N, C-alpha and C. Protein backbone atom coordinates (compact mmCIF):
# COMPACT_ATOMS: atom_id res chain seq x y z
N MET A 1 -15.13 -1.84 -3.57
CA MET A 1 -15.44 -2.47 -2.29
C MET A 1 -14.15 -2.83 -1.56
N GLY A 2 -14.01 -2.41 -0.31
CA GLY A 2 -12.80 -2.67 0.45
C GLY A 2 -12.71 -4.10 0.92
N ARG A 3 -11.49 -4.54 1.20
CA ARG A 3 -11.28 -5.89 1.70
C ARG A 3 -10.54 -5.82 3.01
N ALA A 4 -10.67 -6.87 3.83
CA ALA A 4 -10.11 -6.84 5.17
C ALA A 4 -8.62 -7.10 5.17
N PRO A 5 -7.83 -6.34 5.97
CA PRO A 5 -6.40 -6.61 6.08
C PRO A 5 -6.13 -7.89 6.85
N LEU A 6 -4.96 -8.50 6.62
CA LEU A 6 -4.61 -9.75 7.26
C LEU A 6 -3.69 -9.57 8.45
N GLY A 7 -3.44 -8.33 8.87
CA GLY A 7 -2.34 -8.03 9.78
C GLY A 7 -2.34 -8.75 11.10
N TRP A 8 -1.27 -8.46 11.90
CA TRP A 8 -1.08 -9.09 13.20
C TRP A 8 -1.35 -8.08 14.32
N ALA A 9 -0.42 -7.96 15.26
CA ALA A 9 -0.65 -7.13 16.44
C ALA A 9 -0.92 -5.68 16.08
N SER A 10 -0.16 -5.13 15.13
CA SER A 10 -0.35 -3.72 14.79
C SER A 10 -1.72 -3.49 14.18
N THR A 11 -2.26 -4.50 13.48
CA THR A 11 -3.58 -4.36 12.87
C THR A 11 -4.64 -4.19 13.94
N LEU A 12 -4.44 -4.83 15.10
CA LEU A 12 -5.42 -4.75 16.18
C LEU A 12 -5.53 -3.35 16.75
N LEU A 13 -4.53 -2.50 16.50
CA LEU A 13 -4.53 -1.15 17.01
C LEU A 13 -5.26 -0.18 16.08
N PHE A 14 -5.66 -0.66 14.90
CA PHE A 14 -6.35 0.21 13.96
C PHE A 14 -7.67 0.66 14.57
N THR A 15 -8.08 1.88 14.29
CA THR A 15 -9.41 2.33 14.68
C THR A 15 -10.37 2.03 13.57
N SER A 16 -11.66 1.99 13.89
CA SER A 16 -12.66 1.62 12.90
C SER A 16 -12.71 2.60 11.75
N LEU A 17 -12.24 3.83 11.95
CA LEU A 17 -12.28 4.82 10.89
C LEU A 17 -11.31 4.50 9.77
N PHE A 18 -10.19 3.84 10.13
CA PHE A 18 -9.13 3.67 9.16
C PHE A 18 -9.01 2.25 8.62
N THR A 19 -9.75 1.29 9.17
CA THR A 19 -9.60 -0.08 8.73
C THR A 19 -10.69 -0.46 7.76
N LEU A 20 -10.47 -1.59 7.13
CA LEU A 20 -11.47 -2.14 6.26
C LEU A 20 -12.45 -2.96 7.11
N PRO A 21 -13.56 -3.43 6.52
CA PRO A 21 -14.66 -3.97 7.30
C PRO A 21 -14.36 -5.06 8.31
N PHE A 22 -13.47 -6.01 7.99
CA PHE A 22 -13.22 -7.05 8.96
C PHE A 22 -11.76 -7.45 8.91
N THR A 23 -11.32 -8.21 9.90
CA THR A 23 -9.91 -8.57 10.01
C THR A 23 -9.74 -10.08 9.98
N LEU A 24 -8.83 -10.56 9.17
CA LEU A 24 -8.52 -11.98 9.10
C LEU A 24 -7.15 -12.18 9.71
N LEU A 25 -7.08 -12.94 10.77
CA LEU A 25 -5.82 -13.17 11.45
C LEU A 25 -5.30 -14.57 11.15
N ALA A 26 -3.98 -14.72 11.14
CA ALA A 26 -3.36 -16.02 10.90
C ALA A 26 -2.44 -16.35 12.06
N PRO A 27 -3.00 -16.84 13.19
CA PRO A 27 -2.21 -17.04 14.40
C PRO A 27 -1.17 -18.15 14.28
N ASN A 28 -1.43 -19.18 13.45
CA ASN A 28 -0.52 -20.30 13.33
C ASN A 28 0.09 -20.33 11.94
N VAL A 29 1.38 -20.09 11.87
CA VAL A 29 2.08 -20.05 10.59
C VAL A 29 2.59 -21.44 10.25
N THR A 30 2.14 -22.00 9.12
CA THR A 30 2.58 -23.32 8.69
C THR A 30 3.74 -23.18 7.72
N CYS A 31 4.40 -24.30 7.43
CA CYS A 31 5.50 -24.29 6.47
C CYS A 31 5.00 -23.87 5.10
N ALA A 32 3.78 -24.30 4.74
CA ALA A 32 3.21 -23.94 3.45
C ALA A 32 3.00 -22.44 3.35
N GLU A 33 2.50 -21.84 4.44
CA GLU A 33 2.28 -20.40 4.45
C GLU A 33 3.60 -19.65 4.37
N GLU A 34 4.60 -20.12 5.08
CA GLU A 34 5.91 -19.48 5.05
C GLU A 34 6.50 -19.57 3.65
N GLY A 35 6.32 -20.73 3.00
CA GLY A 35 6.81 -20.90 1.65
C GLY A 35 6.10 -19.98 0.67
N ALA A 36 4.79 -19.80 0.87
CA ALA A 36 4.01 -18.92 0.00
C ALA A 36 4.48 -17.47 0.16
N ARG A 37 4.75 -17.06 1.37
CA ARG A 37 5.24 -15.70 1.61
C ARG A 37 6.56 -15.46 0.87
N ALA A 38 7.45 -16.44 0.94
CA ALA A 38 8.74 -16.29 0.29
C ALA A 38 8.57 -16.19 -1.23
N LYS A 39 7.66 -16.97 -1.80
CA LYS A 39 7.42 -16.93 -3.24
C LYS A 39 6.84 -15.59 -3.67
N ILE A 40 5.94 -15.05 -2.86
CA ILE A 40 5.34 -13.75 -3.17
C ILE A 40 6.39 -12.66 -3.11
N GLU A 41 7.25 -12.73 -2.11
CA GLU A 41 8.31 -11.72 -1.99
C GLU A 41 9.28 -11.80 -3.16
N ARG A 42 9.56 -13.00 -3.62
CA ARG A 42 10.45 -13.14 -4.77
C ARG A 42 9.79 -12.62 -6.05
N ALA A 43 8.49 -12.81 -6.16
CA ALA A 43 7.77 -12.39 -7.36
C ALA A 43 7.63 -10.88 -7.46
N LEU A 44 7.37 -10.22 -6.33
CA LEU A 44 7.13 -8.77 -6.35
C LEU A 44 8.35 -7.93 -6.01
N ASP A 45 9.31 -8.51 -5.29
CA ASP A 45 10.47 -7.74 -4.82
C ASP A 45 10.03 -6.42 -4.19
N PRO A 46 9.10 -6.45 -3.23
CA PRO A 46 8.54 -5.20 -2.71
C PRO A 46 9.46 -4.42 -1.79
N PHE A 47 10.46 -5.10 -1.20
CA PHE A 47 11.32 -4.45 -0.22
C PHE A 47 12.73 -4.28 -0.79
N LEU A 48 13.25 -3.08 -0.66
CA LEU A 48 14.57 -2.79 -1.21
C LEU A 48 15.68 -3.01 -0.20
N THR A 49 15.32 -3.36 1.03
CA THR A 49 16.32 -3.68 2.06
C THR A 49 15.98 -5.03 2.66
N ASN A 50 16.97 -5.66 3.31
CA ASN A 50 16.68 -6.96 3.94
C ASN A 50 15.87 -6.74 5.22
N ALA A 51 15.36 -7.83 5.75
CA ALA A 51 14.43 -7.76 6.88
C ALA A 51 15.00 -7.01 8.08
N LYS A 52 16.30 -7.08 8.27
CA LYS A 52 16.92 -6.44 9.44
C LYS A 52 16.74 -4.93 9.42
N TYR A 53 16.69 -4.34 8.23
CA TYR A 53 16.64 -2.88 8.12
C TYR A 53 15.27 -2.34 7.70
N ARG A 54 14.30 -3.20 7.55
CA ARG A 54 12.97 -2.74 7.16
C ARG A 54 12.21 -2.17 8.34
N ASP A 55 11.15 -1.43 8.00
CA ASP A 55 10.22 -1.01 9.03
C ASP A 55 9.59 -2.26 9.64
N ALA A 56 9.25 -2.19 10.92
CA ALA A 56 8.73 -3.36 11.63
C ALA A 56 7.45 -3.92 11.03
N ASP A 57 6.69 -3.08 10.34
CA ASP A 57 5.41 -3.53 9.78
C ASP A 57 5.49 -3.86 8.29
N GLU A 58 6.66 -3.75 7.69
CA GLU A 58 6.80 -4.17 6.29
C GLU A 58 6.92 -5.68 6.26
N ARG A 59 6.00 -6.33 5.56
CA ARG A 59 5.94 -7.79 5.62
C ARG A 59 5.03 -8.34 4.52
N VAL A 60 5.03 -9.65 4.41
CA VAL A 60 4.09 -10.35 3.54
C VAL A 60 3.24 -11.24 4.42
N GLU A 61 1.93 -11.16 4.26
CA GLU A 61 0.99 -12.00 5.01
C GLU A 61 0.29 -12.95 4.04
N TYR A 62 0.07 -14.18 4.49
CA TYR A 62 -0.65 -15.16 3.66
C TYR A 62 -1.53 -16.03 4.54
N ALA A 63 -2.79 -16.19 4.16
CA ALA A 63 -3.71 -17.06 4.89
C ALA A 63 -4.93 -17.35 4.02
N ASP A 64 -5.32 -18.62 3.98
CA ASP A 64 -6.55 -19.04 3.30
C ASP A 64 -6.65 -18.54 1.86
N GLY A 65 -5.55 -18.60 1.13
CA GLY A 65 -5.58 -18.24 -0.27
C GLY A 65 -5.53 -16.75 -0.56
N ARG A 66 -5.35 -15.95 0.48
CA ARG A 66 -5.26 -14.50 0.31
C ARG A 66 -3.91 -14.03 0.83
N ALA A 67 -3.34 -13.05 0.14
CA ALA A 67 -2.03 -12.53 0.55
C ALA A 67 -2.03 -11.02 0.52
N GLU A 68 -1.24 -10.45 1.42
CA GLU A 68 -1.06 -9.00 1.49
C GLU A 68 0.43 -8.68 1.59
N VAL A 69 0.85 -7.69 0.86
CA VAL A 69 2.22 -7.20 0.93
C VAL A 69 2.17 -5.78 1.48
N TRP A 70 2.75 -5.59 2.67
CA TRP A 70 2.70 -4.30 3.36
C TRP A 70 3.99 -3.53 3.11
N VAL A 71 3.86 -2.35 2.49
CA VAL A 71 5.01 -1.52 2.15
C VAL A 71 4.81 -0.12 2.73
N LEU A 72 5.83 0.39 3.41
CA LEU A 72 5.77 1.73 3.99
C LEU A 72 5.84 2.77 2.87
N GLU A 73 4.75 3.46 2.64
CA GLU A 73 4.68 4.43 1.55
C GLU A 73 3.57 5.43 1.86
N SER A 74 3.94 6.71 1.93
CA SER A 74 2.95 7.74 2.24
C SER A 74 2.24 8.21 0.98
N LEU A 75 0.95 8.49 1.11
CA LEU A 75 0.18 9.04 0.00
C LEU A 75 -0.21 10.48 0.25
N GLU A 76 0.28 11.05 1.33
CA GLU A 76 -0.14 12.40 1.68
C GLU A 76 0.69 13.47 0.99
N GLN A 77 1.87 13.09 0.49
CA GLN A 77 2.73 14.03 -0.22
C GLN A 77 2.86 13.59 -1.67
N GLY A 78 3.05 14.55 -2.57
CA GLY A 78 3.21 14.22 -3.97
C GLY A 78 1.88 14.04 -4.68
N GLU A 79 1.94 13.78 -5.97
CA GLU A 79 0.73 13.65 -6.76
C GLU A 79 0.09 12.29 -6.51
N LEU A 80 -1.19 12.29 -6.14
CA LEU A 80 -1.90 11.05 -5.86
C LEU A 80 -1.95 10.16 -7.10
N ALA A 81 -2.13 10.76 -8.26
CA ALA A 81 -2.20 9.98 -9.50
C ALA A 81 -0.93 9.16 -9.70
N LYS A 82 0.24 9.76 -9.40
CA LYS A 82 1.50 9.06 -9.55
C LYS A 82 1.62 7.92 -8.55
N LYS A 83 1.10 8.12 -7.33
CA LYS A 83 1.14 7.07 -6.32
C LYS A 83 0.25 5.89 -6.72
N VAL A 84 -0.92 6.19 -7.27
CA VAL A 84 -1.82 5.14 -7.73
C VAL A 84 -1.15 4.34 -8.85
N CYS A 85 -0.53 5.04 -9.76
CA CYS A 85 0.17 4.39 -10.86
C CYS A 85 1.31 3.53 -10.34
N GLN A 86 2.05 4.06 -9.38
CA GLN A 86 3.17 3.33 -8.79
C GLN A 86 2.70 2.04 -8.13
N GLY A 87 1.62 2.13 -7.34
CA GLY A 87 1.10 0.95 -6.66
C GLY A 87 0.67 -0.13 -7.64
N ALA A 88 -0.01 0.27 -8.71
CA ALA A 88 -0.46 -0.69 -9.71
C ALA A 88 0.73 -1.35 -10.41
N ARG A 89 1.75 -0.56 -10.70
CA ARG A 89 2.95 -1.11 -11.36
C ARG A 89 3.65 -2.11 -10.45
N TRP A 90 3.80 -1.78 -9.18
CA TRP A 90 4.48 -2.68 -8.26
C TRP A 90 3.70 -3.97 -8.06
N LEU A 91 2.39 -3.90 -8.08
CA LEU A 91 1.57 -5.09 -7.89
C LEU A 91 1.57 -5.96 -9.15
N ILE A 92 1.35 -5.35 -10.29
CA ILE A 92 1.24 -6.11 -11.54
C ILE A 92 2.60 -6.63 -12.00
N GLY A 93 3.59 -5.76 -12.00
CA GLY A 93 4.88 -6.15 -12.57
C GLY A 93 6.00 -6.35 -11.58
N GLY A 94 5.75 -6.05 -10.29
CA GLY A 94 6.83 -6.12 -9.32
C GLY A 94 7.63 -4.82 -9.30
N ARG A 95 8.51 -4.71 -8.35
CA ARG A 95 9.23 -3.44 -8.14
C ARG A 95 10.55 -3.36 -8.90
N LEU A 96 11.14 -4.51 -9.24
CA LEU A 96 12.43 -4.53 -9.93
C LEU A 96 12.31 -5.14 -11.32
N LYS A 97 13.32 -4.95 -12.13
CA LYS A 97 13.29 -5.49 -13.49
C LYS A 97 13.21 -7.01 -13.49
N ARG A 98 13.82 -7.63 -12.49
CA ARG A 98 13.84 -9.09 -12.43
C ARG A 98 12.51 -9.67 -11.94
N SER A 99 11.64 -8.84 -11.40
CA SER A 99 10.39 -9.31 -10.78
C SER A 99 9.47 -9.96 -11.81
N THR A 100 8.76 -10.99 -11.39
CA THR A 100 7.76 -11.63 -12.24
C THR A 100 6.36 -11.10 -11.96
N GLY A 101 6.22 -10.30 -10.90
CA GLY A 101 4.95 -9.64 -10.62
C GLY A 101 3.86 -10.56 -10.09
N ALA A 102 2.64 -10.02 -10.06
CA ALA A 102 1.51 -10.77 -9.51
C ALA A 102 1.27 -12.07 -10.26
N ARG A 103 1.40 -12.03 -11.58
CA ARG A 103 1.18 -13.24 -12.38
C ARG A 103 2.16 -14.34 -11.95
N GLY A 104 3.40 -13.97 -11.72
CA GLY A 104 4.39 -14.93 -11.27
C GLY A 104 4.04 -15.53 -9.92
N ALA A 105 3.50 -14.69 -9.03
CA ALA A 105 3.10 -15.18 -7.70
C ALA A 105 1.96 -16.18 -7.80
N PHE A 106 0.97 -15.87 -8.62
CA PHE A 106 -0.17 -16.77 -8.78
C PHE A 106 0.24 -18.09 -9.44
N LEU A 107 1.16 -18.03 -10.40
CA LEU A 107 1.62 -19.26 -11.05
C LEU A 107 2.43 -20.11 -10.08
N ALA A 108 3.16 -19.46 -9.17
CA ALA A 108 3.98 -20.19 -8.21
C ALA A 108 3.17 -20.79 -7.06
N ILE A 109 2.00 -20.22 -6.81
CA ILE A 109 1.18 -20.67 -5.67
C ILE A 109 -0.23 -20.98 -6.18
N PRO A 110 -0.53 -22.22 -6.52
CA PRO A 110 -1.86 -22.57 -7.05
C PRO A 110 -3.01 -22.24 -6.11
N GLN A 111 -2.74 -22.23 -4.80
CA GLN A 111 -3.81 -21.96 -3.83
C GLN A 111 -4.11 -20.47 -3.67
N LEU A 112 -3.26 -19.62 -4.20
CA LEU A 112 -3.44 -18.17 -4.04
C LEU A 112 -4.60 -17.68 -4.90
N ARG A 113 -5.57 -17.04 -4.26
CA ARG A 113 -6.76 -16.55 -4.97
C ARG A 113 -6.79 -15.03 -5.10
N GLU A 114 -6.15 -14.34 -4.16
CA GLU A 114 -6.21 -12.88 -4.14
C GLU A 114 -4.91 -12.32 -3.58
N LEU A 115 -4.39 -11.29 -4.23
CA LEU A 115 -3.13 -10.67 -3.81
C LEU A 115 -3.32 -9.16 -3.72
N SER A 116 -2.93 -8.60 -2.58
CA SER A 116 -3.07 -7.15 -2.36
C SER A 116 -1.73 -6.53 -1.99
N LEU A 117 -1.52 -5.33 -2.52
CA LEU A 117 -0.39 -4.50 -2.11
C LEU A 117 -0.95 -3.38 -1.25
N ILE A 118 -0.40 -3.24 -0.05
CA ILE A 118 -0.89 -2.23 0.88
C ILE A 118 0.20 -1.20 1.13
N PHE A 119 -0.14 0.05 0.86
CA PHE A 119 0.71 1.17 1.26
C PHE A 119 0.24 1.60 2.64
N PHE A 120 1.17 1.70 3.59
CA PHE A 120 0.77 2.11 4.93
C PHE A 120 1.67 3.22 5.44
N LYS A 121 1.18 3.92 6.44
CA LYS A 121 2.00 4.90 7.13
C LYS A 121 1.98 4.57 8.61
N VAL A 122 2.95 5.07 9.33
CA VAL A 122 3.08 4.78 10.76
C VAL A 122 2.54 5.95 11.58
N LYS A 123 1.70 5.63 12.54
CA LYS A 123 1.18 6.64 13.46
C LYS A 123 1.71 6.33 14.85
N THR A 124 2.09 7.36 15.56
CA THR A 124 2.59 7.18 16.92
C THR A 124 1.86 8.11 17.89
N LYS A 125 1.71 7.64 19.11
CA LYS A 125 1.16 8.47 20.17
C LYS A 125 1.81 8.07 21.48
N VAL A 126 1.76 8.94 22.45
CA VAL A 126 2.40 8.69 23.75
C VAL A 126 1.34 8.65 24.83
N ASN A 127 1.32 7.56 25.60
CA ASN A 127 0.37 7.38 26.69
C ASN A 127 1.11 7.01 27.97
N PRO A 128 0.60 7.43 29.14
CA PRO A 128 1.23 7.02 30.40
C PRO A 128 0.89 5.57 30.73
N ASN A 129 1.86 4.84 31.30
CA ASN A 129 1.58 3.46 31.73
C ASN A 129 1.24 3.44 33.21
N LEU A 130 1.08 2.25 33.77
CA LEU A 130 0.68 2.12 35.18
C LEU A 130 1.75 2.63 36.14
N GLU A 131 2.97 2.73 35.66
CA GLU A 131 4.06 3.22 36.51
C GLU A 131 4.24 4.73 36.40
N GLY A 132 3.36 5.36 35.66
CA GLY A 132 3.45 6.81 35.51
C GLY A 132 4.45 7.27 34.46
N ARG A 133 5.00 6.34 33.73
CA ARG A 133 5.94 6.69 32.67
C ARG A 133 5.20 6.76 31.33
N TYR A 134 5.72 7.58 30.44
CA TYR A 134 5.09 7.71 29.13
C TYR A 134 5.68 6.68 28.16
N VAL A 135 4.79 6.01 27.48
CA VAL A 135 5.19 4.96 26.56
C VAL A 135 4.68 5.31 25.16
N GLN A 136 5.55 5.16 24.19
CA GLN A 136 5.15 5.46 22.82
C GLN A 136 4.47 4.24 22.21
N ILE A 137 3.30 4.46 21.66
CA ILE A 137 2.53 3.40 21.01
C ILE A 137 2.59 3.63 19.50
N ARG A 138 2.99 2.63 18.80
CA ARG A 138 3.19 2.71 17.35
C ARG A 138 2.18 1.82 16.64
N SER A 139 1.56 2.32 15.59
CA SER A 139 0.62 1.50 14.84
C SER A 139 0.71 1.82 13.35
N ALA A 140 0.40 0.83 12.54
CA ALA A 140 0.41 1.02 11.09
C ALA A 140 -1.00 1.31 10.61
N MET A 141 -1.14 2.31 9.76
CA MET A 141 -2.45 2.67 9.22
C MET A 141 -2.46 2.46 7.72
N THR A 142 -3.45 1.73 7.25
CA THR A 142 -3.57 1.48 5.81
C THR A 142 -3.87 2.79 5.10
N ALA A 143 -3.01 3.14 4.15
CA ALA A 143 -3.22 4.36 3.36
C ALA A 143 -3.92 4.03 2.04
N ALA A 144 -3.51 2.92 1.42
CA ALA A 144 -4.13 2.50 0.16
C ALA A 144 -3.96 1.00 0.00
N ARG A 145 -4.90 0.42 -0.73
CA ARG A 145 -4.88 -1.03 -0.95
C ARG A 145 -5.17 -1.31 -2.42
N PHE A 146 -4.24 -2.01 -3.08
CA PHE A 146 -4.38 -2.39 -4.49
C PHE A 146 -4.57 -3.91 -4.53
N THR A 147 -5.62 -4.38 -5.19
CA THR A 147 -5.94 -5.81 -5.15
C THR A 147 -6.13 -6.40 -6.54
N LEU A 148 -5.58 -7.60 -6.72
CA LEU A 148 -5.75 -8.37 -7.95
C LEU A 148 -6.27 -9.76 -7.61
N SER A 149 -7.23 -10.23 -8.39
CA SER A 149 -7.70 -11.60 -8.26
C SER A 149 -6.86 -12.52 -9.14
N ARG A 150 -6.93 -13.78 -8.87
CA ARG A 150 -6.17 -14.76 -9.66
C ARG A 150 -6.59 -14.71 -11.13
N GLU A 151 -7.89 -14.66 -11.35
CA GLU A 151 -8.40 -14.70 -12.73
C GLU A 151 -7.86 -13.53 -13.55
N ARG A 152 -7.88 -12.35 -12.97
CA ARG A 152 -7.43 -11.17 -13.71
C ARG A 152 -5.92 -11.16 -13.87
N ALA A 153 -5.20 -11.51 -12.82
CA ALA A 153 -3.73 -11.47 -12.87
C ALA A 153 -3.18 -12.40 -13.94
N LEU A 154 -3.78 -13.58 -14.10
CA LEU A 154 -3.28 -14.53 -15.07
C LEU A 154 -3.50 -14.07 -16.51
N MET A 155 -4.37 -13.11 -16.70
CA MET A 155 -4.60 -12.56 -18.04
C MET A 155 -3.65 -11.42 -18.36
N LEU A 156 -2.96 -10.93 -17.34
CA LEU A 156 -2.08 -9.77 -17.53
C LEU A 156 -0.64 -10.21 -17.77
N HIS A 157 -0.11 -9.88 -18.90
CA HIS A 157 1.31 -10.11 -19.18
C HIS A 157 2.03 -8.81 -18.84
N SER A 158 2.77 -8.83 -17.76
CA SER A 158 3.30 -7.61 -17.16
C SER A 158 4.07 -6.72 -18.13
N GLU A 159 4.86 -7.32 -19.00
CA GLU A 159 5.67 -6.49 -19.91
C GLU A 159 4.79 -5.64 -20.82
N ARG A 160 3.69 -6.21 -21.29
CA ARG A 160 2.78 -5.46 -22.15
C ARG A 160 1.98 -4.45 -21.34
N VAL A 161 1.50 -4.90 -20.18
CA VAL A 161 0.64 -4.06 -19.36
C VAL A 161 1.40 -2.85 -18.83
N LEU A 162 2.65 -3.03 -18.45
CA LEU A 162 3.41 -1.94 -17.86
C LEU A 162 3.62 -0.78 -18.83
N THR A 163 3.54 -1.07 -20.13
CA THR A 163 3.64 0.02 -21.09
C THR A 163 2.42 0.94 -21.02
N LEU A 164 1.31 0.42 -20.51
CA LEU A 164 0.10 1.23 -20.35
C LEU A 164 0.16 2.09 -19.10
N LEU A 165 0.97 1.64 -18.12
CA LEU A 165 1.02 2.33 -16.84
C LEU A 165 2.10 3.41 -16.84
N GLN A 166 1.96 4.34 -17.72
CA GLN A 166 2.85 5.48 -17.80
C GLN A 166 2.15 6.59 -18.57
N GLY A 167 2.63 7.80 -18.36
CA GLY A 167 2.03 8.93 -19.06
C GLY A 167 0.79 9.47 -18.35
N PRO A 168 0.12 10.43 -18.95
CA PRO A 168 -1.00 11.13 -18.31
C PRO A 168 -2.22 10.26 -18.03
N GLN A 169 -2.37 9.15 -18.76
CA GLN A 169 -3.52 8.27 -18.56
C GLN A 169 -3.23 7.12 -17.61
N CYS A 170 -2.09 7.17 -16.94
CA CYS A 170 -1.65 6.05 -16.11
C CYS A 170 -2.64 5.72 -15.00
N GLU A 171 -3.11 6.73 -14.27
CA GLU A 171 -4.02 6.47 -13.16
C GLU A 171 -5.29 5.80 -13.65
N GLU A 172 -5.85 6.30 -14.72
CA GLU A 172 -7.08 5.72 -15.27
C GLU A 172 -6.86 4.27 -15.68
N GLN A 173 -5.73 4.00 -16.32
CA GLN A 173 -5.41 2.63 -16.73
C GLN A 173 -5.24 1.73 -15.51
N ALA A 174 -4.59 2.25 -14.48
CA ALA A 174 -4.35 1.47 -13.27
C ALA A 174 -5.66 1.04 -12.63
N ARG A 175 -6.59 1.96 -12.52
CA ARG A 175 -7.89 1.64 -11.91
C ARG A 175 -8.67 0.61 -12.72
N GLN A 176 -8.45 0.58 -14.03
CA GLN A 176 -9.15 -0.38 -14.88
C GLN A 176 -8.49 -1.76 -14.86
N LEU A 177 -7.19 -1.79 -14.68
CA LEU A 177 -6.46 -3.05 -14.75
C LEU A 177 -6.61 -3.90 -13.50
N ILE A 178 -6.61 -3.27 -12.32
CA ILE A 178 -6.69 -4.05 -11.08
C ILE A 178 -8.15 -4.25 -10.68
N ASP A 179 -8.38 -5.21 -9.78
CA ASP A 179 -9.75 -5.50 -9.35
C ASP A 179 -10.31 -4.44 -8.42
N ASP A 180 -9.44 -3.92 -7.55
CA ASP A 180 -9.96 -3.00 -6.54
C ASP A 180 -8.87 -2.05 -6.07
N LEU A 181 -9.24 -0.80 -5.84
CA LEU A 181 -8.35 0.19 -5.25
C LEU A 181 -9.12 0.88 -4.12
N TRP A 182 -8.55 0.84 -2.93
CA TRP A 182 -9.15 1.49 -1.76
C TRP A 182 -8.15 2.49 -1.20
N ILE A 183 -8.59 3.72 -1.00
CA ILE A 183 -7.75 4.77 -0.43
C ILE A 183 -8.38 5.26 0.87
N SER A 184 -7.60 5.37 1.91
CA SER A 184 -8.10 5.76 3.22
C SER A 184 -8.75 7.15 3.17
N PRO A 185 -9.93 7.29 3.77
CA PRO A 185 -10.56 8.61 3.86
C PRO A 185 -9.67 9.63 4.57
N GLU A 186 -8.85 9.16 5.52
CA GLU A 186 -7.96 10.09 6.23
C GLU A 186 -6.89 10.64 5.28
N VAL A 187 -6.43 9.81 4.37
CA VAL A 187 -5.44 10.28 3.39
C VAL A 187 -6.04 11.36 2.52
N VAL A 188 -7.25 11.12 2.05
CA VAL A 188 -7.93 12.11 1.21
C VAL A 188 -8.13 13.41 1.98
N LYS A 189 -8.55 13.30 3.24
CA LYS A 189 -8.78 14.49 4.06
C LYS A 189 -7.48 15.24 4.31
N SER A 190 -6.40 14.51 4.58
CA SER A 190 -5.11 15.14 4.84
C SER A 190 -4.60 15.87 3.61
N ARG A 191 -4.79 15.26 2.45
CA ARG A 191 -4.34 15.89 1.21
C ARG A 191 -5.14 17.17 0.95
N GLU A 192 -6.43 17.13 1.20
CA GLU A 192 -7.26 18.32 1.00
C GLU A 192 -6.84 19.43 1.95
N LEU A 193 -6.52 19.06 3.20
CA LEU A 193 -6.08 20.05 4.18
C LEU A 193 -4.75 20.67 3.77
N LEU A 194 -3.82 19.83 3.30
CA LEU A 194 -2.52 20.35 2.87
C LEU A 194 -2.67 21.32 1.70
N GLN A 195 -3.56 20.99 0.79
CA GLN A 195 -3.78 21.87 -0.36
C GLN A 195 -4.40 23.19 0.08
N ALA A 196 -5.26 23.13 1.09
CA ALA A 196 -5.95 24.34 1.55
C ALA A 196 -5.01 25.31 2.24
N ILE A 197 -3.95 24.79 2.89
CA ILE A 197 -3.05 25.67 3.63
C ILE A 197 -1.79 26.03 2.84
N GLN A 198 -1.70 25.53 1.59
CA GLN A 198 -0.55 25.90 0.77
C GLN A 198 -0.54 27.40 0.54
N PRO A 199 0.64 28.04 0.55
CA PRO A 199 0.70 29.48 0.30
C PRO A 199 0.14 29.82 -1.08
N LYS A 200 -0.59 30.89 -1.14
CA LYS A 200 -1.17 31.34 -2.41
C LYS A 200 -0.07 31.83 -3.34
N SER A 201 -0.29 31.67 -4.63
CA SER A 201 0.67 32.15 -5.62
C SER A 201 0.78 33.67 -5.55
N LYS A 202 2.00 34.16 -5.70
CA LYS A 202 2.20 35.61 -5.67
C LYS A 202 1.45 36.31 -6.79
N SER A 203 1.20 35.59 -7.87
CA SER A 203 0.51 36.20 -9.00
C SER A 203 -0.93 36.56 -8.64
N LEU A 204 -1.44 35.90 -7.58
CA LEU A 204 -2.80 36.19 -7.15
C LEU A 204 -2.86 37.44 -6.27
N ALA A 205 -1.71 37.83 -5.73
CA ALA A 205 -1.68 39.01 -4.86
C ALA A 205 -0.47 39.84 -5.23
N PRO A 206 -0.51 40.52 -6.37
CA PRO A 206 0.66 41.29 -6.85
C PRO A 206 0.99 42.43 -5.91
N VAL A 207 2.27 42.74 -5.84
CA VAL A 207 2.75 43.86 -5.04
C VAL A 207 3.01 45.02 -5.98
N THR A 208 2.35 46.14 -5.71
CA THR A 208 2.52 47.32 -6.55
C THR A 208 3.68 48.16 -6.05
N THR A 209 4.60 48.42 -6.92
CA THR A 209 5.77 49.21 -6.55
C THR A 209 5.60 50.64 -7.09
N GLN A 210 5.66 51.58 -6.21
CA GLN A 210 5.52 52.97 -6.62
C GLN A 210 6.88 53.56 -6.98
N ALA A 211 6.89 54.37 -8.01
CA ALA A 211 8.15 55.03 -8.39
C ALA A 211 8.54 56.03 -7.34
N PRO A 212 9.85 56.16 -7.09
CA PRO A 212 10.30 57.14 -6.07
C PRO A 212 10.02 58.57 -6.48
C-alpha cells in the first residue's frame, strides 16, 4: 500500500499518475521539526555532498511523526533488484559506515512513527510564459519509496540485518524486512520499454560467411 509524500512546491507539480494517494504538507517549520530533520540526516547520512551542492529536491521532510528522505536516484537504468537492495540498505543501516540507520533515527526522535526513503528523478519541460518566452519547469517524480515503521525498525539491528542484504536473495530479503516498497508504474513501464528496444544478441541472428 502506497503512502503520501510530504513534499513542498515540487510535490504540487506531480501528476496523479505518478504520486501516491494524498499529500501531507508542512507549511510551518518549527524548531522541533528542524531538529528532527537534522537527527534523521545524521542517522542515515543520505547525502554525500553538503546542501550547497545537492540537487534542489534532495532533502529531509518531517511532519506529524512521519519523515521522508528524498535522494536523487534513477531506477530506470541498471538492475532493479540491486536498486531495491540498495534502497533497503540505505534505509535500514544508513549510507555510510558511521551511520546508525533507521533504528538510530527512531531512538533519537521518540515522536517519529514512520520513516521513508524516496528515490526520485527530475523531469523537465518547457512552456511559454505570458511574455512569450519559454520557461523551463522542473519537477521531482517519485521513482520508489521504501518505508519502515517504528515498531519494525526498533527490532532491526542494522549490523546483523545488513548481512542479509547481499547476494542473490537480497531483493527478496529487502521486501520482507521493510514495511512497504512502492515503485512508480512509470519506472516499470520505462524499464520494459528499454528492454524491448535493446539490440538483439548477434547469436540470435548469425551471419553466414561463404568461402571465396
